Each structure stands twice: as C-alpha cells, then as structure tokens.
Amino acid sequence: MPTVKLSSRRRLTIPASICEKLAIKEGDDLIMSVDDSRIILFKAPESFTDYFSGIAKGLYGKTADEIDEYVNTERP
C-alpha cells in the first residue's frame, strides 16, 4: 500500500500508480471529505448537473398522478 507524507506546507503527493488507477491528472478537481479518522479523496465529476441528473427519479411517484397525489398530501 503506497504511503504519502504531509509536507511542511500541508501538501500531499499522490503516487503515480494511484493517479493512473483513478485516471486523475494535473489540473483535475478532487473532492475531499473526512469520515471518522479517514480522509476520503475522489475525482470530482466534470458536471455536477449531469452527475446528479435523475437522482430523485421515482422518489415522489412513478406516474404524474402519483406525483400529484403526493404533492396534494404535502400541501396544507
């Protein structure tokens, strides 16, 4: 397992083998988050609109009537 060292300027160098495996290159945007004591780093999508497109499909119903019924029950 490759290891990295944090520089005095808090910079990390990602090993070439990992960059190749994840198809990341210079200039790519990466997203970093923390989960307990882990750092999670992944490549940002080129378009968040395309990435999240359709994420709620079917959430409020599968047909227009089901969606209308849901909306009507949620409205006061």
PDB file of N, CA and C in Angstrom:
ATOM      1  N   MET A   1       0.847  -1.166   0.000  1.00  0.00           N
ATOM      2  CA  MET A   1       0.000   0.000   0.000  1.00  0.00           C
ATOM      3  C   MET A   1       0.899   1.237   0.000  1.00  0.00           C
ATOM      4  N   PRO A   2       0.700   2.115  -0.965  1.00  0.00           N
ATOM      5  CA  PRO A   2       1.521   3.332  -1.031  1.00  0.00           C
ATOM      6  C   PRO A   2       1.255   4.235   0.176  1.00  0.00           C
ATOM      7  N   THR A   3       2.276   4.922   0.613  1.00  0.00           N
ATOM      8  CA  THR A   3       2.124   5.892   1.694  1.00  0.00           C
ATOM      9  C   THR A   3       2.526   7.267   1.169  1.00  0.00           C
ATOM     10  N   VAL A   4       2.011   8.289   1.825  1.00  0.00           N
ATOM     11  CA  VAL A   4       2.352   9.665   1.472  1.00  0.00           C
ATOM     12  C   VAL A   4       2.742  10.392   2.739  1.00  0.00           C
ATOM     13  N   LYS A   5       3.485  11.463   2.588  1.00  0.00           N
ATOM     14  CA  LYS A   5       3.904  12.268   3.732  1.00  0.00           C
ATOM     15  C   LYS A   5       3.400  13.687   3.522  1.00  0.00           C
ATOM     16  N   LEU A   6       2.888  14.252   4.573  1.00  0.00           N
ATOM     17  CA  LEU A   6       2.408  15.619   4.541  1.00  0.00           C
ATOM     18  C   LEU A   6       3.605  16.564   4.618  1.00  0.00           C
ATOM     19  N   SER A   7       3.690  17.481   3.663  1.00  0.00           N
ATOM     20  CA  SER A   7       4.820  18.428   3.656  1.00  0.00           C
ATOM     21  C   SER A   7       4.600  19.527   4.689  1.00  0.00           C
ATOM     22  N   SER A   8       5.612  20.355   4.871  1.00  0.00           N
ATOM     23  CA  SER A   8       5.512  21.463   5.823  1.00  0.00           C
ATOM     24  C   SER A   8       4.442  22.470   5.400  1.00  0.00           C
ATOM     25  N   ARG A   9       4.074  22.434   4.124  1.00  0.00           N
ATOM     26  CA  ARG A   9       3.031  23.334   3.619  1.00  0.00           C
ATOM     27  C   ARG A   9       1.678  22.624   3.518  1.00  0.00           C
ATOM     28  N   ARG A  10       1.558  21.467   4.204  1.00  0.00           N
ATOM     29  CA  ARG A  10       0.338  20.642   4.237  1.00  0.00           C
ATOM     30  C   ARG A  10      -0.066  20.156   2.850  1.00  0.00           C
ATOM     31  N   ARG A  11       0.896  19.792   2.043  1.00  0.00           N
ATOM     32  CA  ARG A  11       0.639  19.265   0.704  1.00  0.00           C
ATOM     33  C   ARG A  11       0.940  17.775   0.674  1.00  0.00           C
ATOM     34  N   LEU A  12       0.164  17.073  -0.130  1.00  0.00           N
ATOM     35  CA  LEU A  12       0.369  15.639  -0.343  1.00  0.00           C
ATOM     36  C   LEU A  12       0.701  15.404  -1.800  1.00  0.00           C
ATOM     37  N   THR A  13       1.520  14.419  -2.069  1.00  0.00           N
ATOM     38  CA  THR A  13       1.775  13.996  -3.436  1.00  0.00           C
ATOM     39  C   THR A  13       1.132  12.627  -3.601  1.00  0.00           C
ATOM     40  N   ILE A  14       0.217  12.528  -4.539  1.00  0.00           N
ATOM     41  CA  ILE A  14      -0.467  11.262  -4.785  1.00  0.00           C
ATOM     42  C   ILE A  14       0.438  10.400  -5.647  1.00  0.00           C
ATOM     43  N   PRO A  15       0.708   9.168  -5.227  1.00  0.00           N
ATOM     44  CA  PRO A  15       1.584   8.296  -6.012  1.00  0.00           C
ATOM     45  C   PRO A  15       1.059   8.085  -7.441  1.00  0.00           C
ATOM     46  N   ALA A  16       1.977   7.985  -8.375  1.00  0.00           N
ATOM     47  CA  ALA A  16       1.628   7.832  -9.796  1.00  0.00           C
ATOM     48  C   ALA A  16       0.732   6.617 -10.025  1.00  0.00           C
ATOM     49  N   SER A  17       0.980   5.532  -9.307  1.00  0.00           N
ATOM     50  CA  SER A  17       0.176   4.315  -9.506  1.00  0.00           C
ATOM     51  C   SER A  17      -1.297   4.558  -9.170  1.00  0.00           C
ATOM     52  N   ILE A  18      -1.545   5.382  -8.157  1.00  0.00           N
ATOM     53  CA  ILE A  18      -2.929   5.691  -7.787  1.00  0.00           C
ATOM     54  C   ILE A  18      -3.546   6.647  -8.803  1.00  0.00           C
ATOM     55  N   CYS A  19      -2.777   7.622  -9.259  1.00  0.00           N
ATOM     56  CA  CYS A  19      -3.278   8.542 -10.290  1.00  0.00           C
ATOM     57  C   CYS A  19      -3.666   7.793 -11.550  1.00  0.00           C
ATOM     58  N   GLU A  20      -2.841   6.843 -11.946  1.00  0.00           N
ATOM     59  CA  GLU A  20      -3.141   6.050 -13.138  1.00  0.00           C
ATOM     60  C   GLU A  20      -4.388   5.209 -12.935  1.00  0.00           C
ATOM     61  N   LYS A  21      -4.499   4.584 -11.781  1.00  0.00           N
ATOM     62  CA  LYS A  21      -5.643   3.714 -11.491  1.00  0.00           C
ATOM     63  C   LYS A  21      -6.949   4.502 -11.494  1.00  0.00           C
ATOM     64  N   LEU A  22      -6.921   5.736 -10.983  1.00  0.00           N
ATOM     65  CA  LEU A  22      -8.126   6.561 -10.902  1.00  0.00           C
ATOM     66  C   LEU A  22      -8.291   7.515 -12.080  1.00  0.00           C
ATOM     67  N   ALA A  23      -7.350   7.476 -13.008  1.00  0.00           N
ATOM     68  CA  ALA A  23      -7.384   8.337 -14.193  1.00  0.00           C
ATOM     69  C   ALA A  23      -7.463   9.816 -13.804  1.00  0.00           C
ATOM     70  N   ILE A  24      -6.669  10.214 -12.798  1.00  0.00           N
ATOM     71  CA  ILE A  24      -6.599  11.621 -12.446  1.00  0.00           C
ATOM     72  C   ILE A  24      -5.286  12.197 -12.956  1.00  0.00           C
ATOM     73  N   LYS A  25      -5.380  13.462 -13.357  1.00  0.00           N
ATOM     74  CA  LYS A  25      -4.190  14.105 -13.917  1.00  0.00           C
ATOM     75  C   LYS A  25      -4.080  15.524 -13.379  1.00  0.00           C
ATOM     76  N   GLU A  26      -2.981  16.159 -13.672  1.00  0.00           N
ATOM     77  CA  GLU A  26      -2.748  17.529 -13.225  1.00  0.00           C
ATOM     78  C   GLU A  26      -3.897  18.428 -13.650  1.00  0.00           C
ATOM     79  N   GLY A  27      -4.396  19.223 -12.730  1.00  0.00           N
ATOM     80  CA  GLY A  27      -5.479  20.159 -13.023  1.00  0.00           C
ATOM     81  C   GLY A  27      -6.863  19.619 -12.720  1.00  0.00           C
ATOM     82  N   ASP A  28      -7.004  18.306 -12.475  1.00  0.00           N
ATOM     83  CA  ASP A  28      -8.311  17.746 -12.138  1.00  0.00           C
ATOM     84  C   ASP A  28      -8.746  18.239 -10.765  1.00  0.00           C
ATOM     85  N   ASP A  29     -10.046  18.453 -10.614  1.00  0.00           N
ATOM     86  CA  ASP A  29     -10.590  18.815  -9.304  1.00  0.00           C
ATOM     87  C   ASP A  29     -10.875  17.538  -8.528  1.00  0.00           C
ATOM     88  N   LEU A  30     -10.512  17.552  -7.253  1.00  0.00           N
ATOM     89  CA  LEU A  30     -10.745  16.420  -6.373  1.00  0.00           C
ATOM     90  C   LEU A  30     -11.600  16.880  -5.206  1.00  0.00           C
ATOM     91  N   ILE A  31     -12.396  15.984  -4.677  1.00  0.00           N
ATOM     92  CA  ILE A  31     -13.237  16.276  -3.520  1.00  0.00           C
ATOM     93  C   ILE A  31     -12.672  15.502  -2.341  1.00  0.00           C
ATOM     94  N   MET A  32     -12.557  16.182  -1.210  1.00  0.00           N
ATOM     95  CA  MET A  32     -12.012  15.553  -0.011  1.00  0.00           C
ATOM     96  C   MET A  32     -13.033  15.667   1.106  1.00  0.00           C
ATOM     97  N   SER A  33     -13.240  14.559   1.825  1.00  0.00           N
ATOM     98  CA  SER A  33     -14.104  14.587   2.997  1.00  0.00           C
ATOM     99  C   SER A  33     -13.465  13.740   4.090  1.00  0.00           C
ATOM    100  N   VAL A  34     -13.997  13.868   5.282  1.00  0.00           N
ATOM    101  CA  VAL A  34     -13.470  13.136   6.433  1.00  0.00           C
ATOM    102  C   VAL A  34     -14.563  12.243   6.983  1.00  0.00           C
ATOM    103  N   ASP A  35     -14.227  10.987   7.234  1.00  0.00           N
ATOM    104  CA  ASP A  35     -15.138  10.017   7.821  1.00  0.00           C
ATOM    105  C   ASP A  35     -14.423   9.400   9.014  1.00  0.00           C
ATOM    106  N   ASP A  36     -14.815   9.818  10.209  1.00  0.00           N
ATOM    107  CA  ASP A  36     -14.119   9.430  11.441  1.00  0.00           C
ATOM    108  C   ASP A  36     -12.648   9.834  11.322  1.00  0.00           C
ATOM    109  N   SER A  37     -11.744   8.869  11.262  1.00  0.00           N
ATOM    110  CA  SER A  37     -10.319   9.204  11.168  1.00  0.00           C
ATOM    111  C   SER A  37      -9.768   8.972   9.765  1.00  0.00           C
ATOM    112  N   ARG A  38     -10.652   8.828   8.781  1.00  0.00           N
ATOM    113  CA  ARG A  38     -10.230   8.588   7.393  1.00  0.00           C
ATOM    114  C   ARG A  38     -10.410   9.830   6.542  1.00  0.00           C
ATOM    115  N   ILE A  39      -9.501  10.011   5.618  1.00  0.00           N
ATOM    116  CA  ILE A  39      -9.637  11.054   4.603  1.00  0.00           C
ATOM    117  C   ILE A  39     -10.083  10.359   3.326  1.00  0.00           C
ATOM    118  N   ILE A  40     -11.179  10.832   2.750  1.00  0.00           N
ATOM    119  CA  ILE A  40     -11.704  10.259   1.511  1.00  0.00           C
ATOM    120  C   ILE A  40     -11.482  11.280   0.408  1.00  0.00           C
ATOM    121  N   LEU A  41     -10.838  10.848  -0.647  1.00  0.00           N
ATOM    122  CA  LEU A  41     -10.492  11.732  -1.753  1.00  0.00           C
ATOM    123  C   LEU A  41     -10.958  11.077  -3.045  1.00  0.00           C
ATOM    124  N   PHE A  42     -11.748  11.801  -3.829  1.00  0.00           N
ATOM    125  CA  PHE A  42     -12.185  11.251  -5.103  1.00  0.00           C
ATOM    126  C   PHE A  42     -12.289  12.342  -6.159  1.00  0.00           C
ATOM    127  N   LYS A  43     -12.249  11.908  -7.401  1.00  0.00           N
ATOM    128  CA  LYS A  43     -12.285  12.828  -8.529  1.00  0.00           C
ATOM    129  C   LYS A  43     -13.673  13.455  -8.640  1.00  0.00           C
ATOM    130  N   ALA A  44     -13.708  14.773  -8.769  1.00  0.00           N
ATOM    131  CA  ALA A  44     -14.977  15.480  -8.931  1.00  0.00           C
ATOM    132  C   ALA A  44     -15.524  15.212 -10.330  1.00  0.00           C
ATOM    133  N   PRO A  45     -16.836  15.083 -10.453  1.00  0.00           N
ATOM    134  CA  PRO A  45     -17.416  14.897 -11.781  1.00  0.00           C
ATOM    135  C   PRO A  45     -17.197  16.132 -12.640  1.00  0.00           C
ATOM    136  N   GLU A  46     -17.143  15.932 -13.938  1.00  0.00           N
ATOM    137  CA  GLU A  46     -16.951  17.068 -14.851  1.00  0.00           C
ATOM    138  C   GLU A  46     -18.143  18.014 -14.794  1.00  0.00           C
ATOM    139  N   SER A  47     -19.342  17.452 -14.579  1.00  0.00           N
ATOM    140  CA  SER A  47     -20.555  18.254 -14.488  1.00  0.00           C
ATOM    141  C   SER A  47     -21.417  17.714 -13.343  1.00  0.00           C
ATOM    142  N   PHE A  48     -21.608  18.532 -12.308  1.00  0.00           N
ATOM    143  CA  PHE A  48     -22.470  18.100 -11.209  1.00  0.00           C
ATOM    144  C   PHE A  48     -23.920  17.980 -11.677  1.00  0.00           C
ATOM    145  N   THR A  49     -24.307  18.783 -12.651  1.00  0.00           N
ATOM    146  CA  THR A  49     -25.664  18.693 -13.192  1.00  0.00           C
ATOM    147  C   THR A  49     -25.895  17.320 -13.794  1.00  0.00           C
ATOM    148  N   ASP A  50     -24.959  16.858 -14.617  1.00  0.00           N
ATOM    149  CA  ASP A  50     -25.089  15.531 -15.210  1.00  0.00           C
ATOM    150  C   ASP A  50     -24.971  14.436 -14.148  1.00  0.00           C
ATOM    151  N   TYR A  51     -24.086  14.636 -13.174  1.00  0.00           N
ATOM    152  CA  TYR A  51     -23.842  13.641 -12.128  1.00  0.00           C
ATOM    153  C   TYR A  51     -25.095  13.391 -11.291  1.00  0.00           C
ATOM    154  N   PHE A  52     -25.816  14.476 -10.947  1.00  0.00           N
ATOM    155  CA  PHE A  52     -26.997  14.335 -10.103  1.00  0.00           C
ATOM    156  C   PHE A  52     -28.300  14.235 -10.888  1.00  0.00           C
ATOM    157  N   SER A  53     -28.221  14.311 -12.200  1.00  0.00           N
ATOM    158  CA  SER A  53     -29.419  14.241 -13.026  1.00  0.00           C
ATOM    159  C   SER A  53     -30.146  12.923 -12.787  1.00  0.00           C
ATOM    160  N   GLY A  54     -31.428  13.007 -12.478  1.00  0.00           N
ATOM    161  CA  GLY A  54     -32.248  11.816 -12.291  1.00  0.00           C
ATOM    162  C   GLY A  54     -32.138  11.182 -10.917  1.00  0.00           C
ATOM    163  N   ILE A  55     -31.439  11.816  -9.989  1.00  0.00           N
ATOM    164  CA  ILE A  55     -31.217  11.210  -8.670  1.00  0.00           C
ATOM    165  C   ILE A  55     -32.536  11.012  -7.901  1.00  0.00           C
ATOM    166  N   ALA A  56     -33.523  11.861  -8.135  1.00  0.00           N
ATOM    167  CA  ALA A  56     -34.788  11.761  -7.415  1.00  0.00           C
ATOM    168  C   ALA A  56     -35.883  11.096  -8.255  1.00  0.00           C
ATOM    169  N   LYS A  57     -35.509  10.500  -9.364  1.00  0.00           N
ATOM    170  CA  LYS A  57     -36.494   9.877 -10.241  1.00  0.00           C
ATOM    171  C   LYS A  57     -37.257   8.790  -9.481  1.00  0.00           C
ATOM    172  N   GLY A  58     -38.558   8.905  -9.489  1.00  0.00           N
ATOM    173  CA  GLY A  58     -39.407   7.927  -8.823  1.00  0.00           C
ATOM    174  C   GLY A  58     -39.576   8.153  -7.334  1.00  0.00           C
ATOM    175  N   LEU A  59     -38.929   9.148  -6.784  1.00  0.00           N
ATOM    176  CA  LEU A  59     -38.985   9.398  -5.347  1.00  0.00           C
ATOM    177  C   LEU A  59     -40.383   9.810  -4.898  1.00  0.00           C
ATOM    178  N   TYR A  60     -41.070  10.587  -5.690  1.00  0.00           N
ATOM    179  CA  TYR A  60     -42.391  11.080  -5.318  1.00  0.00           C
ATOM    180  C   TYR A  60     -43.508  10.354  -6.054  1.00  0.00           C
ATOM    181  N   GLY A  61     -43.173   9.359  -6.801  1.00  0.00           N
ATOM    182  CA  GLY A  61     -44.154   8.582  -7.548  1.00  0.00           C
ATOM    183  C   GLY A  61     -43.619   8.256  -8.927  1.00  0.00           C
ATOM    184  N   LYS A  62     -44.210   7.239  -9.523  1.00  0.00           N
ATOM    185  CA  LYS A  62     -43.734   6.815 -10.840  1.00  0.00           C
ATOM    186  C   LYS A  62     -44.539   7.437 -11.973  1.00  0.00           C
ATOM    187  N   THR A  63     -45.752   7.863 -11.679  1.00  0.00           N
ATOM    188  CA  THR A  63     -46.587   8.463 -12.716  1.00  0.00           C
ATOM    189  C   THR A  63     -46.949   9.883 -12.298  1.00  0.00           C
ATOM    190  N   ALA A  64     -47.462  10.638 -13.250  1.00  0.00           N
ATOM    191  CA  ALA A  64     -47.868  12.018 -12.957  1.00  0.00           C
ATOM    192  C   ALA A  64     -48.971  12.035 -11.905  1.00  0.00           C
ATOM    193  N   ASP A  65     -49.896  11.072 -11.961  1.00  0.00           N
ATOM    194  CA  ASP A  65     -50.974  11.007 -10.971  1.00  0.00           C
ATOM    195  C   ASP A  65     -50.432  10.733  -9.573  1.00  0.00           C
ATOM    196  N   GLU A  66     -49.457   9.828  -9.464  1.00  0.00           N
ATOM    197  CA  GLU A  66     -48.859   9.529  -8.159  1.00  0.00           C
ATOM    198  C   GLU A  66     -48.129  10.752  -7.597  1.00  0.00           C
ATOM    199  N   ILE A  67     -47.443  11.476  -8.463  1.00  0.00           N
ATOM    200  CA  ILE A  67     -46.738  12.679  -8.034  1.00  0.00           C
ATOM    201  C   ILE A  67     -47.737  13.740  -7.582  1.00  0.00           C
ATOM    202  N   ASP A  68     -48.811  13.937  -8.353  1.00  0.00           N
ATOM    203  CA  ASP A  68     -49.848  14.903  -7.972  1.00  0.00           C
ATOM    204  C   ASP A  68     -50.464  14.522  -6.624  1.00  0.00           C
ATOM    205  N   GLU A  69     -50.720  13.242  -6.415  1.00  0.00           N
ATOM    206  CA  GLU A  69     -51.290  12.773  -5.151  1.00  0.00           C
ATOM    207  C   GLU A  69     -50.334  13.076  -3.993  1.00  0.00           C
ATOM    208  N   TYR A  70     -49.069  12.827  -4.198  1.00  0.00           N
ATOM    209  CA  TYR A  70     -48.068  13.117  -3.165  1.00  0.00           C
ATOM    210  C   TYR A  70     -48.035  14.608  -2.851  1.00  0.00           C
ATOM    211  N   VAL A  71     -48.007  15.432  -3.867  1.00  0.00           N
ATOM    212  CA  VAL A  71     -47.930  16.888  -3.678  1.00  0.00           C
ATOM    213  C   VAL A  71     -49.170  17.373  -2.933  1.00  0.00           C
ATOM    214  N   ASN A  72     -50.329  16.853  -3.296  1.00  0.00           N
ATOM    215  CA  ASN A  72     -51.573  17.283  -2.650  1.00  0.00           C
ATOM    216  C   ASN A  72     -51.610  16.871  -1.170  1.00  0.00           C
ATOM    217  N   THR A  73     -51.023  15.752  -0.813  1.00  0.00           N
ATOM    218  CA  THR A  73     -50.993  15.338   0.593  1.00  0.00           C
ATOM    219  C   THR A  73     -49.992  16.173   1.394  1.00  0.00           C
ATOM    220  N   GLU A  74     -48.974  16.714   0.754  1.00  0.00           N
ATOM    221  CA  GLU A  74     -47.966  17.513   1.443  1.00  0.00           C
ATOM    222  C   GLU A  74     -48.370  18.972   1.598  1.00  0.00           C
ATOM    223  N   ARG A  75     -49.260  19.429   0.756  1.00  0.00           N
ATOM    224  CA  ARG A  75     -49.702  20.820   0.833  1.00  0.00           C
ATOM    225  C   ARG A  75     -50.774  20.956   1.918  1.00  0.00           C
ATOM    226  N   PRO A  76     -50.729  22.061   2.658  1.00  0.00           N
ATOM    227  CA  PRO A  76     -51.749  22.260   3.715  1.00  0.00           C
ATOM    228  C   PRO A  76     -53.112  22.575   3.159  1.00  0.00           C
TER     229      PRO A  76
END
